Amino acid sequence: MKFSYDKYADAVYIRAKSAKIKRTEKFQDDILIDFDAENKVRGIEILNVSEWLSKDKTPSVEIGNRKIPIPA
């Protein structure tokens, strides 16, 4: 699993595995999910990620009840 952050777009991308993306679906306004031809999740993009950061300024993203760290 790889994480990348684009500070200009204020977006983080979480790639589960390299694969050709067949389609992308909007999960929420700022969350997009990429699927491969076998309908498996291959990536998640979170837009406006600075709004998702925890208030204690820890570099992480909360999705549901999980806190996912963003590598510096």
N, C-alpha and C. Protein backbone atom coordinates (compact mmCIF):
# COMPACT_ATOMS: atom_id res chain seq x y z
N MET A 1 0.84 -1.15 0.00
CA MET A 1 0.00 0.00 0.00
C MET A 1 0.90 1.24 0.00
N LYS A 2 0.55 2.21 -0.84
CA LYS A 2 1.33 3.44 -0.94
C LYS A 2 0.41 4.63 -0.72
N PHE A 3 0.98 5.66 -0.10
CA PHE A 3 0.29 6.91 0.13
C PHE A 3 1.04 8.01 -0.59
N SER A 4 0.32 8.93 -1.20
CA SER A 4 0.97 10.11 -1.78
C SER A 4 0.09 11.32 -1.49
N TYR A 5 0.75 12.48 -1.35
CA TYR A 5 0.04 13.72 -1.04
C TYR A 5 0.44 14.78 -2.04
N ASP A 6 -0.54 15.45 -2.61
CA ASP A 6 -0.32 16.55 -3.55
C ASP A 6 -0.74 17.82 -2.82
N LYS A 7 0.25 18.61 -2.39
CA LYS A 7 -0.09 19.80 -1.60
C LYS A 7 -0.80 20.86 -2.42
N TYR A 8 -0.58 20.90 -3.72
CA TYR A 8 -1.25 21.90 -4.56
C TYR A 8 -2.73 21.56 -4.75
N ALA A 9 -3.02 20.29 -4.88
CA ALA A 9 -4.42 19.86 -5.03
C ALA A 9 -5.07 19.59 -3.68
N ASP A 10 -4.25 19.59 -2.61
CA ASP A 10 -4.72 19.25 -1.26
C ASP A 10 -5.45 17.91 -1.29
N ALA A 11 -4.76 16.91 -1.87
CA ALA A 11 -5.36 15.59 -2.03
C ALA A 11 -4.36 14.50 -1.64
N VAL A 12 -4.87 13.45 -1.04
CA VAL A 12 -4.06 12.28 -0.73
C VAL A 12 -4.61 11.11 -1.55
N TYR A 13 -3.68 10.27 -2.05
CA TYR A 13 -4.09 9.09 -2.80
C TYR A 13 -3.52 7.87 -2.10
N ILE A 14 -4.38 6.92 -1.83
CA ILE A 14 -3.99 5.66 -1.20
C ILE A 14 -4.14 4.58 -2.25
N ARG A 15 -3.00 4.00 -2.63
CA ARG A 15 -3.03 2.96 -3.67
C ARG A 15 -2.84 1.61 -3.01
N ALA A 16 -3.82 0.75 -3.17
CA ALA A 16 -3.76 -0.59 -2.59
C ALA A 16 -2.82 -1.50 -3.37
N LYS A 17 -2.90 -1.41 -4.69
CA LYS A 17 -2.09 -2.27 -5.54
C LYS A 17 -2.09 -1.66 -6.94
N SER A 18 -0.96 -1.77 -7.62
CA SER A 18 -0.89 -1.27 -8.99
C SER A 18 -1.75 -2.13 -9.90
N ALA A 19 -2.62 -1.50 -10.62
CA ALA A 19 -3.49 -2.19 -11.57
C ALA A 19 -4.13 -1.13 -12.46
N LYS A 20 -4.57 -1.55 -13.61
CA LYS A 20 -5.26 -0.64 -14.50
C LYS A 20 -6.64 -0.33 -13.92
N ILE A 21 -6.93 0.95 -13.81
CA ILE A 21 -8.21 1.38 -13.25
C ILE A 21 -9.28 1.36 -14.34
N LYS A 22 -10.37 0.66 -14.06
CA LYS A 22 -11.46 0.59 -15.03
C LYS A 22 -12.49 1.68 -14.80
N ARG A 23 -12.77 1.98 -13.52
CA ARG A 23 -13.76 3.01 -13.24
C ARG A 23 -13.47 3.66 -11.89
N THR A 24 -13.99 4.86 -11.73
CA THR A 24 -13.88 5.61 -10.49
C THR A 24 -15.28 6.00 -10.05
N GLU A 25 -15.57 5.78 -8.77
CA GLU A 25 -16.88 6.15 -8.24
C GLU A 25 -16.72 7.14 -7.10
N LYS A 26 -17.66 8.08 -7.04
CA LYS A 26 -17.68 9.05 -5.94
C LYS A 26 -18.35 8.39 -4.75
N PHE A 27 -17.61 8.30 -3.64
CA PHE A 27 -18.14 7.72 -2.41
C PHE A 27 -18.83 8.79 -1.58
N GLN A 28 -18.17 9.94 -1.45
CA GLN A 28 -18.70 11.14 -0.83
C GLN A 28 -18.20 12.30 -1.68
N ASP A 29 -18.58 13.52 -1.33
CA ASP A 29 -18.16 14.66 -2.13
C ASP A 29 -16.65 14.71 -2.35
N ASP A 30 -15.87 14.40 -1.33
CA ASP A 30 -14.42 14.52 -1.43
C ASP A 30 -13.68 13.19 -1.44
N ILE A 31 -14.39 12.09 -1.64
CA ILE A 31 -13.75 10.77 -1.64
C ILE A 31 -14.12 10.02 -2.92
N LEU A 32 -13.07 9.64 -3.67
CA LEU A 32 -13.24 8.89 -4.91
C LEU A 32 -12.57 7.53 -4.76
N ILE A 33 -13.21 6.49 -5.28
CA ILE A 33 -12.68 5.13 -5.17
C ILE A 33 -12.46 4.57 -6.56
N ASP A 34 -11.25 4.05 -6.80
CA ASP A 34 -10.87 3.46 -8.08
C ASP A 34 -11.03 1.93 -8.02
N PHE A 35 -11.63 1.37 -9.08
CA PHE A 35 -11.83 -0.08 -9.19
C PHE A 35 -11.14 -0.61 -10.44
N ASP A 36 -10.67 -1.86 -10.35
CA ASP A 36 -10.08 -2.50 -11.52
C ASP A 36 -11.16 -3.26 -12.29
N ALA A 37 -10.76 -4.01 -13.30
CA ALA A 37 -11.70 -4.76 -14.14
C ALA A 37 -12.41 -5.88 -13.37
N GLU A 38 -11.80 -6.33 -12.28
CA GLU A 38 -12.41 -7.39 -11.46
C GLU A 38 -13.25 -6.81 -10.33
N ASN A 39 -13.49 -5.48 -10.38
CA ASN A 39 -14.32 -4.78 -9.39
C ASN A 39 -13.69 -4.75 -8.00
N LYS A 40 -12.35 -4.82 -7.95
CA LYS A 40 -11.63 -4.72 -6.68
C LYS A 40 -11.16 -3.28 -6.49
N VAL A 41 -11.20 -2.82 -5.25
CA VAL A 41 -10.73 -1.47 -4.93
C VAL A 41 -9.21 -1.44 -5.10
N ARG A 42 -8.73 -0.49 -5.89
CA ARG A 42 -7.30 -0.35 -6.13
C ARG A 42 -6.74 0.97 -5.65
N GLY A 43 -7.62 1.93 -5.37
CA GLY A 43 -7.14 3.21 -4.87
C GLY A 43 -8.27 4.05 -4.31
N ILE A 44 -7.88 4.96 -3.40
CA ILE A 44 -8.82 5.89 -2.81
C ILE A 44 -8.18 7.27 -2.85
N GLU A 45 -8.92 8.25 -3.36
CA GLU A 45 -8.43 9.62 -3.39
C GLU A 45 -9.31 10.47 -2.48
N ILE A 46 -8.66 11.23 -1.60
CA ILE A 46 -9.38 12.11 -0.69
C ILE A 46 -9.00 13.54 -1.07
N LEU A 47 -9.99 14.30 -1.49
CA LEU A 47 -9.79 15.69 -1.87
C LEU A 47 -10.00 16.58 -0.66
N ASN A 48 -9.43 17.79 -0.69
CA ASN A 48 -9.54 18.73 0.43
C ASN A 48 -9.12 18.06 1.73
N VAL A 49 -8.01 17.35 1.66
CA VAL A 49 -7.58 16.51 2.78
C VAL A 49 -7.26 17.33 4.04
N SER A 50 -6.88 18.58 3.89
CA SER A 50 -6.57 19.38 5.08
C SER A 50 -7.80 19.51 5.98
N GLU A 51 -8.99 19.44 5.40
CA GLU A 51 -10.21 19.48 6.20
C GLU A 51 -10.43 18.19 6.98
N TRP A 52 -9.80 17.11 6.55
CA TRP A 52 -9.94 15.81 7.20
C TRP A 52 -8.91 15.59 8.30
N LEU A 53 -7.87 16.43 8.34
CA LEU A 53 -6.81 16.24 9.33
C LEU A 53 -7.37 16.42 10.73
N SER A 54 -6.81 15.66 11.65
CA SER A 54 -7.28 15.77 13.03
C SER A 54 -6.87 17.12 13.61
N LYS A 55 -7.58 17.56 14.63
CA LYS A 55 -7.35 18.86 15.23
C LYS A 55 -6.01 18.95 15.94
N ASP A 56 -5.42 17.83 16.31
CA ASP A 56 -4.13 17.88 17.01
C ASP A 56 -2.96 18.01 16.03
N LYS A 57 -3.25 18.21 14.75
CA LYS A 57 -2.26 18.43 13.70
C LYS A 57 -1.40 17.21 13.41
N THR A 58 -1.80 16.05 13.90
CA THR A 58 -1.11 14.81 13.55
C THR A 58 -1.37 14.54 12.07
N PRO A 59 -0.31 14.29 11.28
CA PRO A 59 -0.55 14.06 9.85
C PRO A 59 -1.23 12.71 9.61
N SER A 60 -2.56 12.74 9.62
CA SER A 60 -3.33 11.52 9.40
C SER A 60 -4.69 11.90 8.82
N VAL A 61 -5.38 10.88 8.35
CA VAL A 61 -6.72 11.06 7.80
C VAL A 61 -7.63 10.08 8.52
N GLU A 62 -8.80 10.54 8.92
CA GLU A 62 -9.77 9.65 9.55
C GLU A 62 -10.81 9.23 8.54
N ILE A 63 -10.95 7.93 8.35
CA ILE A 63 -11.98 7.38 7.46
C ILE A 63 -12.81 6.43 8.32
N GLY A 64 -14.05 6.79 8.49
CA GLY A 64 -14.89 6.01 9.39
C GLY A 64 -14.34 6.15 10.79
N ASN A 65 -14.05 5.04 11.45
CA ASN A 65 -13.49 5.09 12.80
C ASN A 65 -12.00 4.77 12.81
N ARG A 66 -11.36 4.79 11.62
CA ARG A 66 -9.93 4.48 11.53
C ARG A 66 -9.13 5.73 11.26
N LYS A 67 -7.99 5.86 11.91
CA LYS A 67 -7.07 6.97 11.70
C LYS A 67 -5.89 6.46 10.89
N ILE A 68 -5.73 6.97 9.68
CA ILE A 68 -4.68 6.51 8.77
C ILE A 68 -3.60 7.57 8.70
N PRO A 69 -2.36 7.23 9.09
CA PRO A 69 -1.27 8.22 9.04
C PRO A 69 -0.85 8.54 7.61
N ILE A 70 -0.45 9.80 7.41
CA ILE A 70 0.06 10.24 6.12
C ILE A 70 1.57 10.40 6.28
N PRO A 71 2.36 9.61 5.56
CA PRO A 71 3.82 9.73 5.67
C PRO A 71 4.30 11.12 5.27
N ALA A 72 5.27 11.63 6.00
CA ALA A 72 5.82 12.96 5.72
C ALA A 72 6.70 12.93 4.49
